[in-house]
Protein backbone atom coordinates (compact mmCIF):
# COMPACT_ATOMS: atom_id res chain seq x y z
CA MET A 1 70.64 88.86 158.30
CA ILE A 2 71.49 87.68 161.80
CA GLU A 3 72.76 84.10 161.97
CA LEU A 4 70.20 81.72 163.48
CA ASP A 5 71.60 78.70 165.31
CA PRO A 6 70.14 75.45 163.88
CA LEU A 7 70.04 74.17 167.47
CA TYR A 8 66.79 76.12 167.84
CA ASP A 9 65.13 74.94 164.64
CA GLY A 10 61.40 74.43 165.16
CA MET A 11 61.00 77.32 167.59
CA GLU A 12 59.10 80.43 166.56
CA LEU A 13 61.16 82.81 164.45
CA SER A 14 60.61 85.74 166.84
CA THR A 15 62.00 83.67 169.73
CA ARG A 16 64.97 82.59 167.63
CA LEU A 17 65.75 86.23 166.85
CA VAL A 18 65.78 87.06 170.57
CA ILE A 19 68.02 84.06 171.25
CA ALA A 20 70.46 85.00 168.48
CA GLU A 21 70.73 88.61 169.67
CA ALA A 22 71.10 87.57 173.31
CA LEU A 23 73.95 85.21 172.40
CA ARG A 24 75.57 87.93 170.30
CA ARG A 25 75.48 90.18 173.38
CA GLY A 26 77.33 87.60 175.43
CA ALA A 27 74.36 86.34 177.41
CA SER A 28 73.61 82.68 178.03
CA VAL A 29 70.29 81.20 176.94
CA GLU A 30 68.53 78.23 178.50
CA VAL A 31 65.56 76.71 176.71
CA LEU A 32 63.02 75.88 179.42
CA ASP A 33 60.34 74.51 177.07
CA GLN A 34 61.11 74.42 173.37
CA SER A 35 57.59 73.65 172.20
CA ASP A 36 56.27 76.59 174.24
CA ASN A 37 59.08 78.91 173.10
CA PHE A 38 59.94 79.56 176.75
CA ILE A 39 63.54 80.57 177.46
CA ARG A 40 65.66 82.12 180.19
CA VAL A 41 68.32 84.69 179.35
CA VAL A 42 71.13 85.35 181.81
CA ARG A 43 73.76 88.07 181.63
CA GLY A 44 75.70 88.71 184.79
CA ALA A 45 73.23 89.39 187.59
CA VAL A 46 70.35 89.90 185.14
CA VAL A 47 68.07 86.88 184.76
CA GLN A 48 65.06 87.23 182.47
CA PRO A 49 62.49 84.56 181.56
CA ILE A 50 60.93 85.19 178.15
CA LYS A 51 58.04 83.41 176.52
CA GLN A 52 57.31 83.70 172.80
CA ALA A 53 59.75 86.59 172.41
CA THR A 54 57.55 89.34 173.87
CA ARG A 55 55.91 87.92 177.00
CA THR A 56 58.27 89.24 179.65
CA ALA A 57 58.49 90.45 183.22
CA ALA A 58 58.47 94.03 181.89
CA ASP A 59 54.70 93.76 181.57
CA SER A 60 52.37 93.07 184.45
CA TYR A 61 49.82 90.28 184.27
CA ILE A 62 47.01 92.81 184.45
CA ALA A 63 48.38 94.70 181.43
CA ALA A 64 48.28 91.50 179.40
CA LEU A 65 44.74 90.78 180.57
CA ALA A 66 43.65 94.31 179.65
CA MET A 67 45.05 93.98 176.14
CA GLU A 68 43.46 90.56 175.75
CA ASN A 69 40.01 91.89 176.66
CA LYS A 70 38.89 94.10 173.77
CA GLN A 71 36.14 95.76 175.81
CA VAL A 72 38.59 96.74 178.57
CA THR A 73 40.97 97.98 175.88
CA LYS A 74 38.25 100.21 174.40
CA ALA A 75 37.30 101.58 177.83
CA LEU A 76 40.88 102.45 178.77
CA LEU A 77 41.57 104.01 175.37
CA GLU A 78 38.46 106.16 175.69
CA ARG A 79 39.57 107.40 179.12
CA ALA A 80 42.94 108.36 177.61
CA GLY A 81 41.31 110.22 174.73
CA VAL A 82 42.40 107.68 172.12
CA ARG A 83 39.84 106.80 169.45
CA SER A 84 38.53 103.28 168.74
CA PRO A 85 35.50 102.09 166.75
CA ALA A 86 32.05 102.62 168.24
CA GLY A 87 30.33 99.42 169.25
CA ARG A 88 28.51 97.33 171.81
CA LEU A 89 29.52 94.40 173.99
CA HIS A 90 27.09 91.49 174.12
CA ASP A 91 27.23 88.72 176.71
CA SER A 92 24.82 86.40 174.93
CA VAL A 93 23.98 85.29 171.42
CA THR A 94 20.41 86.46 172.00
CA THR A 95 21.31 90.08 172.75
CA ALA A 96 23.85 90.17 169.92
CA LEU A 97 21.28 88.92 167.42
CA ALA A 98 18.83 91.51 168.72
CA ASP A 99 21.35 94.18 167.68
CA TRP A 100 20.66 93.44 164.00
CA PRO A 101 18.26 96.40 163.42
CA ARG A 102 20.99 98.81 164.58
CA VAL A 103 23.73 97.43 162.30
CA ARG A 104 21.60 96.59 159.26
CA GLY A 105 22.83 98.57 156.25
CA ARG A 106 26.14 99.43 157.94
CA ALA A 107 29.56 97.88 157.48
CA THR A 108 30.16 96.00 160.72
CA VAL A 109 32.84 94.00 162.54
CA VAL A 110 31.89 91.13 164.83
CA LYS A 111 34.62 89.70 167.05
CA PRO A 112 35.10 87.69 170.23
CA ARG A 113 35.93 89.75 173.30
CA SER A 114 39.25 88.02 174.00
CA THR A 115 41.05 86.43 171.06
CA ASN A 116 44.31 87.15 169.29
CA PHE A 117 45.66 86.89 165.72
CA GLY A 118 42.31 87.89 164.22
CA GLU A 119 40.70 84.63 165.30
CA GLY A 120 36.92 84.68 165.01
CA VAL A 121 36.80 88.21 163.55
CA ALA A 122 34.18 88.74 160.83
CA ILE A 123 33.97 91.86 158.66
CA LEU A 124 30.51 92.34 157.16
CA ALA A 125 29.76 94.66 154.26
CA ALA A 126 26.92 97.16 154.42
CA ASP A 127 24.78 94.84 152.28
CA ALA A 128 25.34 91.80 154.52
CA THR A 129 22.24 89.74 155.18
CA GLN A 130 20.76 88.91 158.55
CA ALA A 131 21.82 85.30 158.03
CA GLU A 132 25.44 86.38 157.49
CA TYR A 133 25.30 88.51 160.62
CA GLU A 134 23.90 85.62 162.63
CA GLN A 135 26.62 83.31 161.33
CA ALA A 136 29.31 85.83 162.40
CA VAL A 137 27.76 86.23 165.85
CA ARG A 138 27.54 82.50 166.47
CA ALA A 139 31.13 81.99 165.29
CA ALA A 140 32.35 84.65 167.74
CA PHE A 141 30.48 83.06 170.64
CA GLU A 142 32.02 79.70 169.85
CA LEU A 143 35.35 81.24 170.92
CA ASP A 144 34.27 83.44 173.83
CA ALA A 145 31.43 84.08 176.26
CA ALA A 146 31.01 87.63 174.95
CA ALA A 147 31.37 89.42 171.63
CA LEU A 148 31.79 92.95 170.33
CA VAL A 149 29.72 94.34 167.47
CA GLU A 150 31.53 97.41 166.14
CA ASP A 151 31.32 99.89 163.29
CA PHE A 152 33.71 99.06 160.48
CA VAL A 153 36.32 101.79 160.01
CA ALA A 154 37.53 102.22 156.44
CA GLY A 155 41.21 102.88 155.75
CA ARG A 156 44.59 101.21 155.63
CA GLU A 157 45.60 98.96 158.50
CA PHE A 158 48.99 99.29 160.21
CA ARG A 159 50.72 97.45 163.03
CA PHE A 160 52.72 99.70 165.35
CA LEU A 161 55.21 97.89 167.56
CA VAL A 162 55.72 99.80 170.82
CA ILE A 163 58.53 98.73 173.14
CA GLY A 164 59.64 100.66 176.20
CA GLY A 165 57.34 103.61 175.52
CA ARG A 166 58.44 104.21 171.92
CA THR A 167 57.22 103.07 168.52
CA ARG A 168 60.02 100.93 167.14
CA ALA A 169 58.49 99.77 163.86
CA VAL A 170 55.40 100.23 161.70
CA LEU A 171 54.11 97.66 159.24
CA HIS A 172 51.38 97.95 156.64
CA ARG A 173 49.55 94.64 156.40
CA VAL A 174 47.76 93.61 153.22
CA PRO A 175 45.22 90.75 153.25
CA ALA A 176 46.20 87.44 151.65
CA ASN A 177 46.16 87.89 147.88
CA VAL A 178 47.50 86.70 144.56
CA ALA A 179 48.16 88.58 141.31
CA GLY A 180 46.45 87.24 138.21
CA ASP A 181 48.41 86.55 135.04
CA GLY A 182 45.61 85.40 132.75
CA ARG A 183 47.02 81.87 132.58
CA HIS A 184 47.03 80.27 136.02
CA THR A 185 44.20 79.44 138.39
CA ILE A 186 43.93 81.01 141.82
CA ARG A 187 44.91 77.66 143.31
CA GLU A 188 48.07 77.58 141.18
CA LEU A 189 48.89 81.20 142.02
CA VAL A 190 48.54 80.45 145.73
CA MET A 191 50.84 77.43 145.40
CA GLU A 192 53.41 79.53 143.56
CA LYS A 193 53.28 82.37 146.10
CA ASN A 194 53.63 79.87 148.96
CA ARG A 195 56.91 78.64 147.44
CA HIS A 196 58.58 81.92 148.43
CA PRO A 197 61.30 81.17 151.02
CA PHE A 198 59.79 83.74 153.40
CA ARG A 199 56.56 81.73 153.71
CA GLY A 200 56.07 78.81 156.08
CA GLU A 201 53.73 77.43 158.74
CA GLY A 202 53.68 77.84 162.50
CA TYR A 203 55.55 81.19 162.69
CA VAL A 204 58.92 79.68 161.83
CA LYS A 205 59.19 81.89 158.72
CA PRO A 206 58.63 85.64 158.30
CA LEU A 207 55.31 85.14 156.50
CA GLU A 208 52.65 82.46 156.79
CA LYS A 209 51.52 80.42 153.82
CA ILE A 210 48.20 81.32 152.23
CA ALA A 211 45.54 78.71 152.89
CA LEU A 212 42.55 77.72 150.80
CA GLY A 213 40.34 76.82 153.72
CA GLU A 214 36.74 77.52 154.54
CA ALA A 215 37.24 81.25 155.13
CA GLU A 216 39.16 81.75 151.89
CA LEU A 217 36.70 79.71 149.83
CA ALA A 218 33.76 81.67 151.22
CA PHE A 219 35.48 84.98 150.46
CA LEU A 220 36.21 83.90 146.89
CA ALA A 221 32.64 82.66 146.42
CA ALA A 222 31.29 86.04 147.54
CA ALA A 223 33.30 87.60 144.71
CA GLY A 224 32.00 85.04 142.21
CA LEU A 225 35.30 83.15 142.13
CA SER A 226 36.62 79.71 143.01
CA PRO A 227 40.13 78.24 143.36
CA GLU A 228 39.85 77.12 139.72
CA SER A 229 39.11 80.62 138.41
CA VAL A 230 41.75 82.21 136.18
CA PRO A 231 42.03 85.93 137.01
CA GLU A 232 43.09 88.26 134.23
CA ALA A 233 46.61 89.67 134.10
CA GLY A 234 47.15 92.50 136.56
CA ARG A 235 44.12 91.74 138.72
CA THR A 236 44.77 91.39 142.44
CA VAL A 237 42.54 88.74 143.97
CA PHE A 238 42.08 88.94 147.73
CA LEU A 239 41.34 85.77 149.66
CA ARG A 240 40.45 87.33 153.03
CA LYS A 241 39.17 90.58 154.48
CA ASN A 242 41.43 90.58 157.53
CA SER A 243 45.04 91.53 156.95
CA ASN A 244 46.78 89.41 159.59
CA ILE A 245 50.19 88.05 158.67
CA SER A 246 49.12 84.89 160.49
CA THR A 247 46.49 84.26 157.79
CA GLY A 248 48.76 84.76 154.80
CA GLY A 249 48.87 88.55 154.58
CA ASP A 250 51.71 90.53 153.01
CA SER A 251 53.93 92.95 154.95
CA ILE A 252 55.31 96.35 153.96
CA ASP A 253 57.57 98.35 156.28
CA TRP A 254 56.24 101.88 156.91
CA THR A 255 58.38 102.91 159.88
CA ASP A 256 60.01 105.90 158.21
CA GLU A 257 57.06 106.90 156.05
CA MET A 258 54.47 107.03 158.83
CA PRO A 259 54.07 110.57 160.26
CA ALA A 260 55.20 111.00 163.86
CA VAL A 261 51.70 111.90 165.04
CA TYR A 262 50.61 108.27 164.59
CA HIS A 263 53.73 107.01 166.39
CA ARG A 264 52.71 109.13 169.36
CA ILE A 265 49.13 107.88 169.26
CA ALA A 266 50.34 104.27 169.41
CA GLU A 267 52.57 105.16 172.35
CA ARG A 268 49.67 106.84 174.19
CA ALA A 269 47.48 103.80 173.59
CA THR A 270 50.10 101.45 174.97
CA ALA A 271 50.64 103.65 178.02
CA ALA A 272 46.89 103.78 178.61
CA LEU A 273 46.91 100.04 179.19
CA GLY A 274 50.04 100.15 181.33
CA ALA A 275 52.03 98.06 178.86
CA GLN A 276 55.69 98.09 177.92
CA ILE A 277 55.40 95.87 174.84
CA ALA A 278 52.37 95.98 172.55
CA GLY A 279 51.34 95.57 168.96
CA VAL A 280 48.92 98.40 168.19
CA ASP A 281 46.61 97.82 165.22
CA MET A 282 45.50 101.14 163.81
CA ILE A 283 43.31 102.10 160.87
CA VAL A 284 44.58 105.25 159.14
CA PRO A 285 42.38 106.59 156.32
CA ASP A 286 45.11 108.90 155.00
CA PRO A 287 48.64 108.06 156.21
CA THR A 288 49.99 111.19 154.52
CA ASP A 289 47.95 113.39 156.87
CA ALA A 290 50.44 114.53 159.52
CA ARG A 291 48.11 116.87 161.43
CA GLU A 292 47.53 116.40 165.15
CA SER A 293 43.81 116.22 164.31
CA ALA A 294 44.32 113.51 161.68
CA ASP A 295 41.73 110.74 161.50
CA TYR A 296 42.53 107.27 162.87
CA SER A 297 40.99 104.44 164.88
CA ILE A 298 42.70 101.82 167.03
CA ILE A 299 41.03 98.46 166.56
CA GLU A 300 43.16 96.30 168.86
CA LEU A 301 46.19 96.04 171.12
CA ASN A 302 48.11 92.76 171.14
CA PHE A 303 49.94 91.62 174.26
CA ASN A 304 52.22 89.14 172.46
CA PRO A 305 53.18 90.90 169.22
CA ALA A 306 55.37 89.13 166.69
CA LEU A 307 58.83 90.54 166.18
CA HIS A 308 59.87 88.73 163.01
CA ILE A 309 57.37 90.51 160.80
CA HIS A 310 59.28 93.75 161.41
CA ASP A 311 62.68 92.18 160.79
CA PHE A 312 61.69 90.46 157.56
CA PRO A 313 58.98 92.50 155.83
CA GLU A 314 58.12 91.48 152.31
CA THR A 315 59.02 95.05 151.33
CA GLY A 316 61.36 97.23 153.38
CA ARG A 317 64.30 96.88 155.72
CA ASN A 318 65.06 94.92 158.86
CA ARG A 319 64.22 96.89 162.02
CA HIS A 320 66.05 94.52 164.44
CA VAL A 321 63.29 94.98 167.00
CA GLU A 322 64.51 92.12 169.21
CA CYS A 323 67.30 94.50 170.29
CA HIS A 324 64.74 96.79 171.93
CA VAL A 325 63.20 93.88 173.86
CA LEU A 326 66.58 92.93 175.31
CA ASP A 327 67.43 96.57 176.04
CA LEU A 328 64.15 96.87 177.96
CA LEU A 329 65.02 93.78 180.00
CA GLY A 330 68.52 95.02 180.86
CA ILE A 331 70.35 92.46 178.70
CA THR A 332 73.04 94.88 177.62
CA ASP A 333 74.99 94.90 174.37
CA ASP A 334 78.68 93.94 174.52
CA THR A 335 79.38 96.27 171.63
CA ALA A 336 77.99 99.22 173.53
CA ASN A 337 79.45 98.05 176.87
CA PRO A 338 82.68 96.21 176.04
CA GLY A 339 83.71 95.84 179.65
CA ASN A 340 80.50 94.16 180.77
CA PRO A 341 80.94 90.54 181.89
């Protein structure tokens, strides 16, 4: 594991990884705003400002805006021949609620047009009620002036990290969960899992702690459970539908196992939005299917993808992805270029 300087304690882990690698390469690092994780890396004539590890000058402002806007993302992916879930954009609560007859009886995803980290995303089962749909719609509009109502795509969710035109890491994300032992309550199991040294709060650790907030309590209640329930031994109890690491999900490295066809799809998607750095969230029904015609659906592109989740997966090896960010920015490696000042 790369040594992290305690001078930068409190900054996001992804930013600290970039700092540590930049220093190892002989560059100097100036912290411009510690609370905003905004730094400047200098090596010789190369000067690169970096915010939150992956917001860099390598990407244009318009590329970031395109990735932020899920409707624009879908439109650009469609033009590039890359599949994403079918859906409709609504610019008012009224029109979104009027879409209920179309989605009734179908598994559906409701999400704000422009949020990150899974914020405001609701996944509704095929038997969801109209009241549940209305609640999801109103929650999405609390965060944005428009919302997408999309078909839910079944399958396993993966995060592809694309840097400089190539897929550098792939992570399988599993929603927040605990494993029953027949003795402890869900609350106790959550507390025990949160004691793992990889789990913390505010992106300073590789994984986020599992919460027992409103979303988790509602999900448990829908399954007939509460935090005081004692699940039987061997039963996996999920606390959320979404698999974001930011909401307590687990991480499993799949970089080597994922067939190359999906790597290329993620690269095409990133290129379609004109981006150099992107986190591509892809649903793959059968990740062993290596055919060019294999089924998949891209549900989102993230303009500020976390790096640390690929360096410290719960299962798998460190991919050292911060190296690719610095390579892209021209912050060269002393080891590879020993004569470089």
